[in-house]
Amino acid sequence: MTIERIKINSFGLHKNLELHFTGGINVLYGENESGKSTLLAFVRSVLYGFDSRVSDNPRKKYMPWDATDGRFGGELIFTHMDKRYRATALFTQSKRTDIITLYNDITGA
């Protein structure tokens, strides 16, 4: 799997963030507490959801404090086995109301 683009509407400290990646190795770097681990948590949560087995509720950790409607998320565009996909995620305060959708970015299916 190769990640091409990360677009975060709102997740943790990130708002309206869009990152494009090129072929090969891409490096994320920055000061402590600048959001590097939050980016990885975003990718993990879009692909696998939040881990409900942990003692601390990760939703509270990554829900922006100014999210007035309690919604947060974004999209991930990646290729896998020569097919391009778009995964969109809209997280809420409850797993029951999360909306995660996976599209084939070429066919729209």
PDB file of N, CA and C in Angstrom:
ATOM      1  N   MET A   1       0.841  -1.172   0.000  1.00  0.00           N
ATOM      2  CA  MET A   1       0.000   0.000   0.000  1.00  0.00           C
ATOM      3  C   MET A   1       0.886   1.234   0.000  1.00  0.00           C
ATOM      4  N   THR A   2       0.527   2.220  -0.816  1.00  0.00           N
ATOM      5  CA  THR A   2       1.250   3.474  -0.887  1.00  0.00           C
ATOM      6  C   THR A   2       0.282   4.624  -0.651  1.00  0.00           C
ATOM      7  N   ILE A   3       0.562   5.423   0.353  1.00  0.00           N
ATOM      8  CA  ILE A   3      -0.288   6.582   0.642  1.00  0.00           C
ATOM      9  C   ILE A   3       0.106   7.720  -0.294  1.00  0.00           C
ATOM     10  N   GLU A   4      -0.874   8.280  -0.985  1.00  0.00           N
ATOM     11  CA  GLU A   4      -0.630   9.395  -1.901  1.00  0.00           C
ATOM     12  C   GLU A   4      -0.984  10.741  -1.271  1.00  0.00           C
ATOM     13  N   ARG A   5      -2.081  10.747  -0.510  1.00  0.00           N
ATOM     14  CA  ARG A   5      -2.531  12.025   0.051  1.00  0.00           C
ATOM     15  C   ARG A   5      -3.278  11.794   1.354  1.00  0.00           C
ATOM     16  N   ILE A   6      -3.057  12.688   2.289  1.00  0.00           N
ATOM     17  CA  ILE A   6      -3.818  12.725   3.534  1.00  0.00           C
ATOM     18  C   ILE A   6      -4.489  14.080   3.592  1.00  0.00           C
ATOM     19  N   LYS A   7      -5.793  14.074   3.789  1.00  0.00           N
ATOM     20  CA  LYS A   7      -6.532  15.329   3.946  1.00  0.00           C
ATOM     21  C   LYS A   7      -7.295  15.241   5.262  1.00  0.00           C
ATOM     22  N   ILE A   8      -6.936  16.111   6.187  1.00  0.00           N
ATOM     23  CA  ILE A   8      -7.585  16.113   7.493  1.00  0.00           C
ATOM     24  C   ILE A   8      -8.446  17.361   7.607  1.00  0.00           C
ATOM     25  N   ASN A   9      -9.738  17.154   7.790  1.00  0.00           N
ATOM     26  CA  ASN A   9     -10.633  18.286   8.030  1.00  0.00           C
ATOM     27  C   ASN A   9     -10.453  18.763   9.465  1.00  0.00           C
ATOM     28  N   SER A  10     -10.441  17.796  10.387  1.00  0.00           N
ATOM     29  CA  SER A  10     -10.274  18.100  11.802  1.00  0.00           C
ATOM     30  C   SER A  10      -9.953  16.797  12.520  1.00  0.00           C
ATOM     31  N   PHE A  11      -8.797  16.744  13.161  1.00  0.00           N
ATOM     32  CA  PHE A  11      -8.386  15.554  13.899  1.00  0.00           C
ATOM     33  C   PHE A  11      -7.260  15.967  14.834  1.00  0.00           C
ATOM     34  N   GLY A  12      -7.508  15.869  16.122  1.00  0.00           N
ATOM     35  CA  GLY A  12      -6.493  16.311  17.080  1.00  0.00           C
ATOM     36  C   GLY A  12      -6.200  17.784  16.895  1.00  0.00           C
ATOM     37  N   LEU A  13      -4.923  18.125  16.816  1.00  0.00           N
ATOM     38  CA  LEU A  13      -4.560  19.536  16.634  1.00  0.00           C
ATOM     39  C   LEU A  13      -4.577  19.972  15.176  1.00  0.00           C
ATOM     40  N   HIS A  14      -4.804  19.028  14.254  1.00  0.00           N
ATOM     41  CA  HIS A  14      -4.782  19.356  12.826  1.00  0.00           C
ATOM     42  C   HIS A  14      -6.158  19.789  12.334  1.00  0.00           C
ATOM     43  N   LYS A  15      -6.194  20.876  11.579  1.00  0.00           N
ATOM     44  CA  LYS A  15      -7.409  21.354  10.922  1.00  0.00           C
ATOM     45  C   LYS A  15      -7.040  21.783   9.519  1.00  0.00           C
ATOM     46  N   ASN A  16      -7.861  21.382   8.556  1.00  0.00           N
ATOM     47  CA  ASN A  16      -7.663  21.779   7.164  1.00  0.00           C
ATOM     48  C   ASN A  16      -6.220  21.542   6.712  1.00  0.00           C
ATOM     49  N   LEU A  17      -5.744  20.338   6.920  1.00  0.00           N
ATOM     50  CA  LEU A  17      -4.384  19.959   6.559  1.00  0.00           C
ATOM     51  C   LEU A  17      -4.429  19.008   5.379  1.00  0.00           C
ATOM     52  N   GLU A  18      -3.603  19.271   4.380  1.00  0.00           N
ATOM     53  CA  GLU A  18      -3.512  18.377   3.235  1.00  0.00           C
ATOM     54  C   GLU A  18      -2.037  18.119   2.945  1.00  0.00           C
ATOM     55  N   LEU A  19      -1.685  16.837   2.910  1.00  0.00           N
ATOM     56  CA  LEU A  19      -0.311  16.427   2.640  1.00  0.00           C
ATOM     57  C   LEU A  19      -0.296  15.536   1.411  1.00  0.00           C
ATOM     58  N   HIS A  20       0.635  15.813   0.491  1.00  0.00           N
ATOM     59  CA  HIS A  20       0.820  14.988  -0.701  1.00  0.00           C
ATOM     60  C   HIS A  20       2.160  14.281  -0.576  1.00  0.00           C
ATOM     61  N   PHE A  21       2.168  12.995  -0.915  1.00  0.00           N
ATOM     62  CA  PHE A  21       3.389  12.209  -0.818  1.00  0.00           C
ATOM     63  C   PHE A  21       3.840  11.793  -2.208  1.00  0.00           C
ATOM     64  N   THR A  22       5.146  11.690  -2.392  1.00  0.00           N
ATOM     65  CA  THR A  22       5.721  11.275  -3.666  1.00  0.00           C
ATOM     66  C   THR A  22       6.167   9.825  -3.556  1.00  0.00           C
ATOM     67  N   GLY A  23       6.542   9.226  -4.681  1.00  0.00           N
ATOM     68  CA  GLY A  23       7.048   7.858  -4.669  1.00  0.00           C
ATOM     69  C   GLY A  23       8.329   7.774  -3.860  1.00  0.00           C
ATOM     70  N   GLY A  24       8.614   6.597  -3.365  1.00  0.00           N
ATOM     71  CA  GLY A  24       9.818   6.421  -2.555  1.00  0.00           C
ATOM     72  C   GLY A  24       9.539   6.688  -1.092  1.00  0.00           C
ATOM     73  N   ILE A  25      10.571   7.117  -0.394  1.00  0.00           N
ATOM     74  CA  ILE A  25      10.461   7.359   1.046  1.00  0.00           C
ATOM     75  C   ILE A  25      10.127   8.821   1.304  1.00  0.00           C
ATOM     76  N   ASN A  26       9.133   9.052   2.151  1.00  0.00           N
ATOM     77  CA  ASN A  26       8.767  10.387   2.604  1.00  0.00           C
ATOM     78  C   ASN A  26       8.998  10.430   4.108  1.00  0.00           C
ATOM     79  N   VAL A  27       9.525  11.524   4.596  1.00  0.00           N
ATOM     80  CA  VAL A  27       9.871  11.647   6.008  1.00  0.00           C
ATOM     81  C   VAL A  27       9.010  12.730   6.646  1.00  0.00           C
ATOM     82  N   LEU A  28       8.385  12.396   7.767  1.00  0.00           N
ATOM     83  CA  LEU A  28       7.667  13.382   8.571  1.00  0.00           C
ATOM     84  C   LEU A  28       8.579  13.770   9.721  1.00  0.00           C
ATOM     85  N   TYR A  29       8.812  15.044   9.883  1.00  0.00           N
ATOM     86  CA  TYR A  29       9.662  15.495  10.985  1.00  0.00           C
ATOM     87  C   TYR A  29       9.115  16.791  11.534  1.00  0.00           C
ATOM     88  N   GLY A  30       9.479  17.079  12.760  1.00  0.00           N
ATOM     89  CA  GLY A  30       9.031  18.307  13.398  1.00  0.00           C
ATOM     90  C   GLY A  30       9.352  18.282  14.872  1.00  0.00           C
ATOM     91  N   GLU A  31       9.078  19.380  15.522  1.00  0.00           N
ATOM     92  CA  GLU A  31       9.313  19.525  16.952  1.00  0.00           C
ATOM     93  C   GLU A  31       8.422  18.555  17.735  1.00  0.00           C
ATOM     94  N   ASN A  32       8.777  18.322  18.985  1.00  0.00           N
ATOM     95  CA  ASN A  32       7.922  17.541  19.872  1.00  0.00           C
ATOM     96  C   ASN A  32       6.557  18.215  19.971  1.00  0.00           C
ATOM     97  N   GLU A  33       5.510  17.393  20.054  1.00  0.00           N
ATOM     98  CA  GLU A  33       4.131  17.878  20.184  1.00  0.00           C
ATOM     99  C   GLU A  33       3.655  18.680  18.973  1.00  0.00           C
ATOM    100  N   SER A  34       4.241  18.426  17.789  1.00  0.00           N
ATOM    101  CA  SER A  34       3.814  19.150  16.595  1.00  0.00           C
ATOM    102  C   SER A  34       2.790  18.379  15.768  1.00  0.00           C
ATOM    103  N   GLY A  35       2.470  17.135  16.171  1.00  0.00           N
ATOM    104  CA  GLY A  35       1.407  16.401  15.508  1.00  0.00           C
ATOM    105  C   GLY A  35       1.832  15.229  14.638  1.00  0.00           C
ATOM    106  N   LYS A  36       3.086  14.803  14.707  1.00  0.00           N
ATOM    107  CA  LYS A  36       3.546  13.673  13.891  1.00  0.00           C
ATOM    108  C   LYS A  36       2.807  12.386  14.268  1.00  0.00           C
ATOM    109  N   SER A  37       2.739  12.079  15.530  1.00  0.00           N
ATOM    110  CA  SER A  37       2.045  10.872  15.985  1.00  0.00           C
ATOM    111  C   SER A  37       0.542  10.965  15.724  1.00  0.00           C
ATOM    112  N   THR A  38       0.009  12.158  15.767  1.00  0.00           N
ATOM    113  CA  THR A  38      -1.411  12.353  15.469  1.00  0.00           C
ATOM    114  C   THR A  38      -1.699  12.008  14.011  1.00  0.00           C
ATOM    115  N   LEU A  39      -0.782  12.342  13.093  1.00  0.00           N
ATOM    116  CA  LEU A  39      -0.955  11.964  11.691  1.00  0.00           C
ATOM    117  C   LEU A  39      -1.010  10.449  11.541  1.00  0.00           C
ATOM    118  N   LEU A  40      -0.131   9.747  12.231  1.00  0.00           N
ATOM    119  CA  LEU A  40      -0.127   8.285  12.166  1.00  0.00           C
ATOM    120  C   LEU A  40      -1.399   7.714  12.791  1.00  0.00           C
ATOM    121  N   ALA A  41      -1.869   8.318  13.872  1.00  0.00           N
ATOM    122  CA  ALA A  41      -3.112   7.876  14.499  1.00  0.00           C
ATOM    123  C   ALA A  41      -4.292   8.084  13.551  1.00  0.00           C
ATOM    124  N   PHE A  42      -4.265   9.163  12.778  1.00  0.00           N
ATOM    125  CA  PHE A  42      -5.322   9.419  11.807  1.00  0.00           C
ATOM    126  C   PHE A  42      -5.359   8.312  10.754  1.00  0.00           C
ATOM    127  N   VAL A  43      -4.198   7.982  10.192  1.00  0.00           N
ATOM    128  CA  VAL A  43      -4.131   6.934   9.175  1.00  0.00           C
ATOM    129  C   VAL A  43      -4.633   5.613   9.758  1.00  0.00           C
ATOM    130  N   ARG A  44      -4.172   5.273  10.931  1.00  0.00           N
ATOM    131  CA  ARG A  44      -4.574   4.024  11.586  1.00  0.00           C
ATOM    132  C   ARG A  44      -6.089   4.002  11.840  1.00  0.00           C
ATOM    133  N   SER A  45      -6.652   5.114  12.304  1.00  0.00           N
ATOM    134  CA  SER A  45      -8.083   5.142  12.613  1.00  0.00           C
ATOM    135  C   SER A  45      -8.942   5.085  11.349  1.00  0.00           C
ATOM    136  N   VAL A  46      -8.481   5.679  10.248  1.00  0.00           N
ATOM    137  CA  VAL A  46      -9.241   5.589   8.996  1.00  0.00           C
ATOM    138  C   VAL A  46      -9.244   4.155   8.479  1.00  0.00           C
ATOM    139  N   LEU A  47      -8.104   3.485   8.566  1.00  0.00           N
ATOM    140  CA  LEU A  47      -8.011   2.121   8.045  1.00  0.00           C
ATOM    141  C   LEU A  47      -8.616   1.067   8.968  1.00  0.00           C
ATOM    142  N   TYR A  48      -8.478   1.257  10.289  1.00  0.00           N
ATOM    143  CA  TYR A  48      -8.871   0.212  11.226  1.00  0.00           C
ATOM    144  C   TYR A  48      -9.881   0.651  12.288  1.00  0.00           C
ATOM    145  N   GLY A  49     -10.224   1.919  12.350  1.00  0.00           N
ATOM    146  CA  GLY A  49     -11.094   2.418  13.404  1.00  0.00           C
ATOM    147  C   GLY A  49     -10.312   2.651  14.681  1.00  0.00           C
ATOM    148  N   PHE A  50     -10.994   3.087  15.714  1.00  0.00           N
ATOM    149  CA  PHE A  50     -10.354   3.310  17.013  1.00  0.00           C
ATOM    150  C   PHE A  50     -10.329   2.010  17.796  1.00  0.00           C
ATOM    151  N   ASP A  51      -9.263   1.783  18.528  1.00  0.00           N
ATOM    152  CA  ASP A  51      -9.131   0.585  19.349  1.00  0.00           C
ATOM    153  C   ASP A  51      -9.957   0.770  20.620  1.00  0.00           C
ATOM    154  N   SER A  52     -11.009   0.000  20.751  1.00  0.00           N
ATOM    155  CA  SER A  52     -11.891   0.143  21.915  1.00  0.00           C
ATOM    156  C   SER A  52     -11.361  -0.615  23.126  1.00  0.00           C
ATOM    157  N   ARG A  53     -10.262  -1.351  22.964  1.00  0.00           N
ATOM    158  CA  ARG A  53      -9.713  -2.130  24.073  1.00  0.00           C
ATOM    159  C   ARG A  53      -8.793  -1.317  24.968  1.00  0.00           C
ATOM    160  N   VAL A  54      -8.420  -0.120  24.554  1.00  0.00           N
ATOM    161  CA  VAL A  54      -7.530   0.690  25.378  1.00  0.00           C
ATOM    162  C   VAL A  54      -8.332   1.344  26.495  1.00  0.00           C
ATOM    163  N   SER A  55      -7.664   1.619  27.600  1.00  0.00           N
ATOM    164  CA  SER A  55      -8.377   2.163  28.761  1.00  0.00           C
ATOM    165  C   SER A  55      -8.824   3.609  28.544  1.00  0.00           C
ATOM    166  N   ASP A  56      -7.999   4.417  27.897  1.00  0.00           N
ATOM    167  CA  ASP A  56      -8.378   5.806  27.611  1.00  0.00           C
ATOM    168  C   ASP A  56      -9.148   5.847  26.303  1.00  0.00           C
ATOM    169  N   ASN A  57     -10.196   6.637  26.245  1.00  0.00           N
ATOM    170  CA  ASN A  57     -11.004   6.757  25.044  1.00  0.00           C
ATOM    171  C   ASN A  57     -10.244   7.604  24.020  1.00  0.00           C
ATOM    172  N   PRO A  58      -9.748   6.989  22.918  1.00  0.00           N
ATOM    173  CA  PRO A  58      -8.984   7.760  21.936  1.00  0.00           C
ATOM    174  C   PRO A  58      -9.824   8.830  21.239  1.00  0.00           C
ATOM    175  N   ARG A  59     -11.129   8.662  21.216  1.00  0.00           N
ATOM    176  CA  ARG A  59     -11.985   9.687  20.602  1.00  0.00           C
ATOM    177  C   ARG A  59     -11.814  11.017  21.324  1.00  0.00           C
ATOM    178  N   LYS A  60     -11.752  10.953  22.641  1.00  0.00           N
ATOM    179  CA  LYS A  60     -11.572  12.181  23.413  1.00  0.00           C
ATOM    180  C   LYS A  60     -10.211  12.804  23.138  1.00  0.00           C
ATOM    181  N   LYS A  61      -9.213  11.957  22.898  1.00  0.00           N
ATOM    182  CA  LYS A  61      -7.861  12.450  22.651  1.00  0.00           C
ATOM    183  C   LYS A  61      -7.762  13.186  21.318  1.00  0.00           C
ATOM    184  N   TYR A  62      -8.451  12.675  20.292  1.00  0.00           N
ATOM    185  CA  TYR A  62      -8.305  13.246  18.951  1.00  0.00           C
ATOM    186  C   TYR A  62      -9.459  14.133  18.516  1.00  0.00           C
ATOM    187  N   MET A  63     -10.520  14.205  19.307  1.00  0.00           N
ATOM    188  CA  MET A  63     -11.613  15.113  18.975  1.00  0.00           C
ATOM    189  C   MET A  63     -11.160  16.535  19.286  1.00  0.00           C
ATOM    190  N   PRO A  64     -11.170  17.418  18.297  1.00  0.00           N
ATOM    191  CA  PRO A  64     -10.744  18.798  18.547  1.00  0.00           C
ATOM    192  C   PRO A  64     -11.639  19.460  19.594  1.00  0.00           C
ATOM    193  N   TRP A  65     -11.031  20.264  20.437  1.00  0.00           N
ATOM    194  CA  TRP A  65     -11.783  20.898  21.527  1.00  0.00           C
ATOM    195  C   TRP A  65     -12.820  21.868  20.994  1.00  0.00           C
ATOM    196  N   ASP A  66     -12.633  22.378  19.790  1.00  0.00           N
ATOM    197  CA  ASP A  66     -13.587  23.334  19.234  1.00  0.00           C
ATOM    198  C   ASP A  66     -14.537  22.682  18.221  1.00  0.00           C
ATOM    199  N   ALA A  67     -14.632  21.346  18.224  1.00  0.00           N
ATOM    200  CA  ALA A  67     -15.557  20.648  17.335  1.00  0.00           C
ATOM    201  C   ALA A  67     -16.969  20.818  17.890  1.00  0.00           C
ATOM    202  N   THR A  68     -17.667  21.810  17.414  1.00  0.00           N
ATOM    203  CA  THR A  68     -18.973  22.162  17.968  1.00  0.00           C
ATOM    204  C   THR A  68     -20.009  21.062  17.765  1.00  0.00           C
ATOM    205  N   ASP A  69     -19.930  20.321  16.658  1.00  0.00           N
ATOM    206  CA  ASP A  69     -20.907  19.262  16.415  1.00  0.00           C
ATOM    207  C   ASP A  69     -20.388  17.882  16.812  1.00  0.00           C
ATOM    208  N   GLY A  70     -19.175  17.810  17.362  1.00  0.00           N
ATOM    209  CA  GLY A  70     -18.623  16.536  17.802  1.00  0.00           C
ATOM    210  C   GLY A  70     -18.134  15.645  16.681  1.00  0.00           C
ATOM    211  N   ARG A  71     -17.969  16.189  15.486  1.00  0.00           N
ATOM    212  CA  ARG A  71     -17.510  15.412  14.337  1.00  0.00           C
ATOM    213  C   ARG A  71     -16.078  15.796  13.982  1.00  0.00           C
ATOM    214  N   PHE A  72     -15.328  14.779  13.541  1.00  0.00           N
ATOM    215  CA  PHE A  72     -13.952  15.027  13.108  1.00  0.00           C
ATOM    216  C   PHE A  72     -13.543  13.923  12.151  1.00  0.00           C
ATOM    217  N   GLY A  73     -12.570  14.195  11.282  1.00  0.00           N
ATOM    218  CA  GLY A  73     -12.131  13.180  10.325  1.00  0.00           C
ATOM    219  C   GLY A  73     -11.475  13.784   9.108  1.00  0.00           C
ATOM    220  N   GLY A  74     -11.511  13.039   8.014  1.00  0.00           N
ATOM    221  CA  GLY A  74     -10.882  13.463   6.771  1.00  0.00           C
ATOM    222  C   GLY A  74     -10.868  12.318   5.781  1.00  0.00           C
ATOM    223  N   GLU A  75      -9.846  12.327   4.894  1.00  0.00           N
ATOM    224  CA  GLU A  75      -9.760  11.273   3.895  1.00  0.00           C
ATOM    225  C   GLU A  75      -8.323  10.877   3.635  1.00  0.00           C
ATOM    226  N   LEU A  76      -8.189   9.672   3.121  1.00  0.00           N
ATOM    227  CA  LEU A  76      -6.899   9.086   2.823  1.00  0.00           C
ATOM    228  C   LEU A  76      -6.977   8.523   1.419  1.00  0.00           C
ATOM    229  N   ILE A  77      -6.044   8.911   0.557  1.00  0.00           N
ATOM    230  CA  ILE A  77      -5.996   8.371  -0.797  1.00  0.00           C
ATOM    231  C   ILE A  77      -4.739   7.524  -0.901  1.00  0.00           C
ATOM    232  N   PHE A  78      -4.932   6.275  -1.355  1.00  0.00           N
ATOM    233  CA  PHE A  78      -3.799   5.358  -1.420  1.00  0.00           C
ATOM    234  C   PHE A  78      -3.975   4.393  -2.584  1.00  0.00           C
ATOM    235  N   THR A  79      -2.880   3.769  -2.979  1.00  0.00           N
ATOM    236  CA  THR A  79      -2.921   2.728  -3.992  1.00  0.00           C
ATOM    237  C   THR A  79      -2.555   1.402  -3.347  1.00  0.00           C
ATOM    238  N   HIS A  80      -3.200   0.357  -3.866  1.00  0.00           N
ATOM    239  CA  HIS A  80      -2.921  -0.995  -3.405  1.00  0.00           C
ATOM    240  C   HIS A  80      -3.147  -1.931  -4.582  1.00  0.00           C
ATOM    241  N   MET A  81      -2.147  -2.714  -4.908  1.00  0.00           N
ATOM    242  CA  MET A  81      -2.216  -3.652  -6.028  1.00  0.00           C
ATOM    243  C   MET A  81      -2.687  -2.934  -7.304  1.00  0.00           C
ATOM    244  N   ASP A  82      -2.068  -1.809  -7.606  1.00  0.00           N
ATOM    245  CA  ASP A  82      -2.335  -1.008  -8.810  1.00  0.00           C
ATOM    246  C   ASP A  82      -3.751  -0.453  -8.899  1.00  0.00           C
ATOM    247  N   LYS A  83      -4.459  -0.395  -7.781  1.00  0.00           N
ATOM    248  CA  LYS A  83      -5.776   0.241  -7.750  1.00  0.00           C
ATOM    249  C   LYS A  83      -5.715   1.402  -6.779  1.00  0.00           C
ATOM    250  N   ARG A  84      -6.382   2.487  -7.138  1.00  0.00           N
ATOM    251  CA  ARG A  84      -6.374   3.695  -6.312  1.00  0.00           C
ATOM    252  C   ARG A  84      -7.666   3.752  -5.510  1.00  0.00           C
ATOM    253  N   TYR A  85      -7.529   4.004  -4.216  1.00  0.00           N
ATOM    254  CA  TYR A  85      -8.671   4.037  -3.312  1.00  0.00           C
ATOM    255  C   TYR A  85      -8.732   5.362  -2.556  1.00  0.00           C
ATOM    256  N   ARG A  86      -9.953   5.701  -2.148  1.00  0.00           N
ATOM    257  CA  ARG A  86     -10.200   6.868  -1.309  1.00  0.00           C
ATOM    258  C   ARG A  86     -11.006   6.391  -0.106  1.00  0.00           C
ATOM    259  N   ALA A  87     -10.438   6.560   1.075  1.00  0.00           N
ATOM    260  CA  ALA A  87     -11.140   6.206   2.304  1.00  0.00           C
ATOM    261  C   ALA A  87     -11.510   7.505   3.008  1.00  0.00           C
ATOM    262  N   THR A  88     -12.790   7.693   3.246  1.00  0.00           N
ATOM    263  CA  THR A  88     -13.244   8.878   3.968  1.00  0.00           C
ATOM    264  C   THR A  88     -13.753   8.438   5.334  1.00  0.00           C
ATOM    265  N   ALA A  89     -13.490   9.263   6.322  1.00  0.00           N
ATOM    266  CA  ALA A  89     -13.902   8.932   7.683  1.00  0.00           C
ATOM    267  C   ALA A  89     -14.506  10.152   8.354  1.00  0.00           C
ATOM    268  N   LEU A  90     -15.658   9.955   8.943  1.00  0.00           N
ATOM    269  CA  LEU A  90     -16.298  10.965   9.765  1.00  0.00           C
ATOM    270  C   LEU A  90     -16.545  10.314  11.120  1.00  0.00           C
ATOM    271  N   PHE A  91     -15.731  10.710  12.094  1.00  0.00           N
ATOM    272  CA  PHE A  91     -15.826  10.147  13.429  1.00  0.00           C
ATOM    273  C   PHE A  91     -16.725  11.027  14.299  1.00  0.00           C
ATOM    274  N   THR A  92     -17.385  10.377  15.243  1.00  0.00           N
ATOM    275  CA  THR A  92     -18.252  11.086  16.181  1.00  0.00           C
ATOM    276  C   THR A  92     -17.908  10.609  17.588  1.00  0.00           C
ATOM    277  N   GLN A  93     -18.727  10.949  18.546  1.00  0.00           N
ATOM    278  CA  GLN A  93     -18.466  10.560  19.924  1.00  0.00           C
ATOM    279  C   GLN A  93     -18.725   9.076  20.164  1.00  0.00           C
ATOM    280  N   SER A  94     -19.386   8.411  19.233  1.00  0.00           N
ATOM    281  CA  SER A  94     -19.732   7.001  19.402  1.00  0.00           C
ATOM    282  C   SER A  94     -19.387   6.219  18.141  1.00  0.00           C
ATOM    283  N   LYS A  95     -18.897   5.008  18.317  1.00  0.00           N
ATOM    284  CA  LYS A  95     -18.569   4.148  17.183  1.00  0.00           C
ATOM    285  C   LYS A  95     -19.802   3.860  16.325  1.00  0.00           C
ATOM    286  N   ARG A  96     -20.963   3.794  16.953  1.00  0.00           N
ATOM    287  CA  ARG A  96     -22.204   3.490  16.225  1.00  0.00           C
ATOM    288  C   ARG A  96     -22.526   4.529  15.161  1.00  0.00           C
ATOM    289  N   THR A  97     -22.098   5.754  15.356  1.00  0.00           N
ATOM    290  CA  THR A  97     -22.454   6.810  14.409  1.00  0.00           C
ATOM    291  C   THR A  97     -21.281   7.231  13.519  1.00  0.00           C
ATOM    292  N   ASP A  98     -20.142   6.527  13.607  1.00  0.00           N
ATOM    293  CA  ASP A  98     -19.029   6.807  12.696  1.00  0.00           C
ATOM    294  C   ASP A  98     -19.436   6.438  11.275  1.00  0.00           C
ATOM    295  N   ILE A  99     -18.898   7.168  10.310  1.00  0.00           N
ATOM    296  CA  ILE A  99     -19.134   6.846   8.904  1.00  0.00           C
ATOM    297  C   ILE A  99     -17.773   6.722   8.235  1.00  0.00           C
ATOM    298  N   ILE A 100     -17.426   5.503   7.840  1.00  0.00           N
ATOM    299  CA  ILE A 100     -16.166   5.261   7.125  1.00  0.00           C
ATOM    300  C   ILE A 100     -16.524   4.601   5.802  1.00  0.00           C
ATOM    301  N   THR A 101     -16.066   5.199   4.713  1.00  0.00           N
ATOM    302  CA  THR A 101     -16.422   4.714   3.383  1.00  0.00           C
ATOM    303  C   THR A 101     -15.150   4.519   2.567  1.00  0.00           C
ATOM    304  N   LEU A 102     -15.108   3.431   1.815  1.00  0.00           N
ATOM    305  CA  LEU A 102     -13.976   3.129   0.943  1.00  0.00           C
ATOM    306  C   LEU A 102     -14.470   3.100  -0.494  1.00  0.00           C
ATOM    307  N   TYR A 103     -13.835   3.907  -1.350  1.00  0.00           N
ATOM    308  CA  TYR A 103     -14.196   3.978  -2.763  1.00  0.00           C
ATOM    309  C   TYR A 103     -13.017   3.530  -3.609  1.00  0.00           C
ATOM    310  N   ASN A 104     -13.336   2.903  -4.731  1.00  0.00           N
ATOM    311  CA  ASN A 104     -12.347   2.729  -5.783  1.00  0.00           C
ATOM    312  C   ASN A 104     -12.296   4.072  -6.485  1.00  0.00           C
ATOM    313  N   ASP A 105     -11.185   4.768  -6.425  1.00  0.00           N
ATOM    314  CA  ASP A 105     -11.108   6.138  -6.925  1.00  0.00           C
ATOM    315  C   ASP A 105     -11.199   6.222  -8.448  1.00  0.00           C
ATOM    316  N   ILE A 106     -11.011   5.118  -9.146  1.00  0.00           N
ATOM    317  CA  ILE A 106     -11.104   5.117 -10.606  1.00  0.00           C
ATOM    318  C   ILE A 106     -12.544   4.877 -11.053  1.00  0.00           C
ATOM    319  N   THR A 107     -13.185   3.836 -10.492  1.00  0.00           N
ATOM    320  CA  THR A 107     -14.538   3.480 -10.924  1.00  0.00           C
ATOM    321  C   THR A 107     -15.628   4.154 -10.121  1.00  0.00           C
ATOM    322  N   GLY A 108     -15.296   4.598  -8.906  1.00  0.00           N
ATOM    323  CA  GLY A 108     -16.303   5.204  -8.038  1.00  0.00           C
ATOM    324  C   GLY A 108     -17.082   4.189  -7.220  1.00  0.00           C
ATOM    325  N   ALA A 109     -16.823   2.921  -7.447  1.00  0.00           N
ATOM    326  CA  ALA A 109     -17.533   1.871  -6.698  1.00  0.00           C
ATOM    327  C   ALA A 109     -17.100   1.831  -5.268  1.00  0.00           C
TER     328      ALA A 109
END
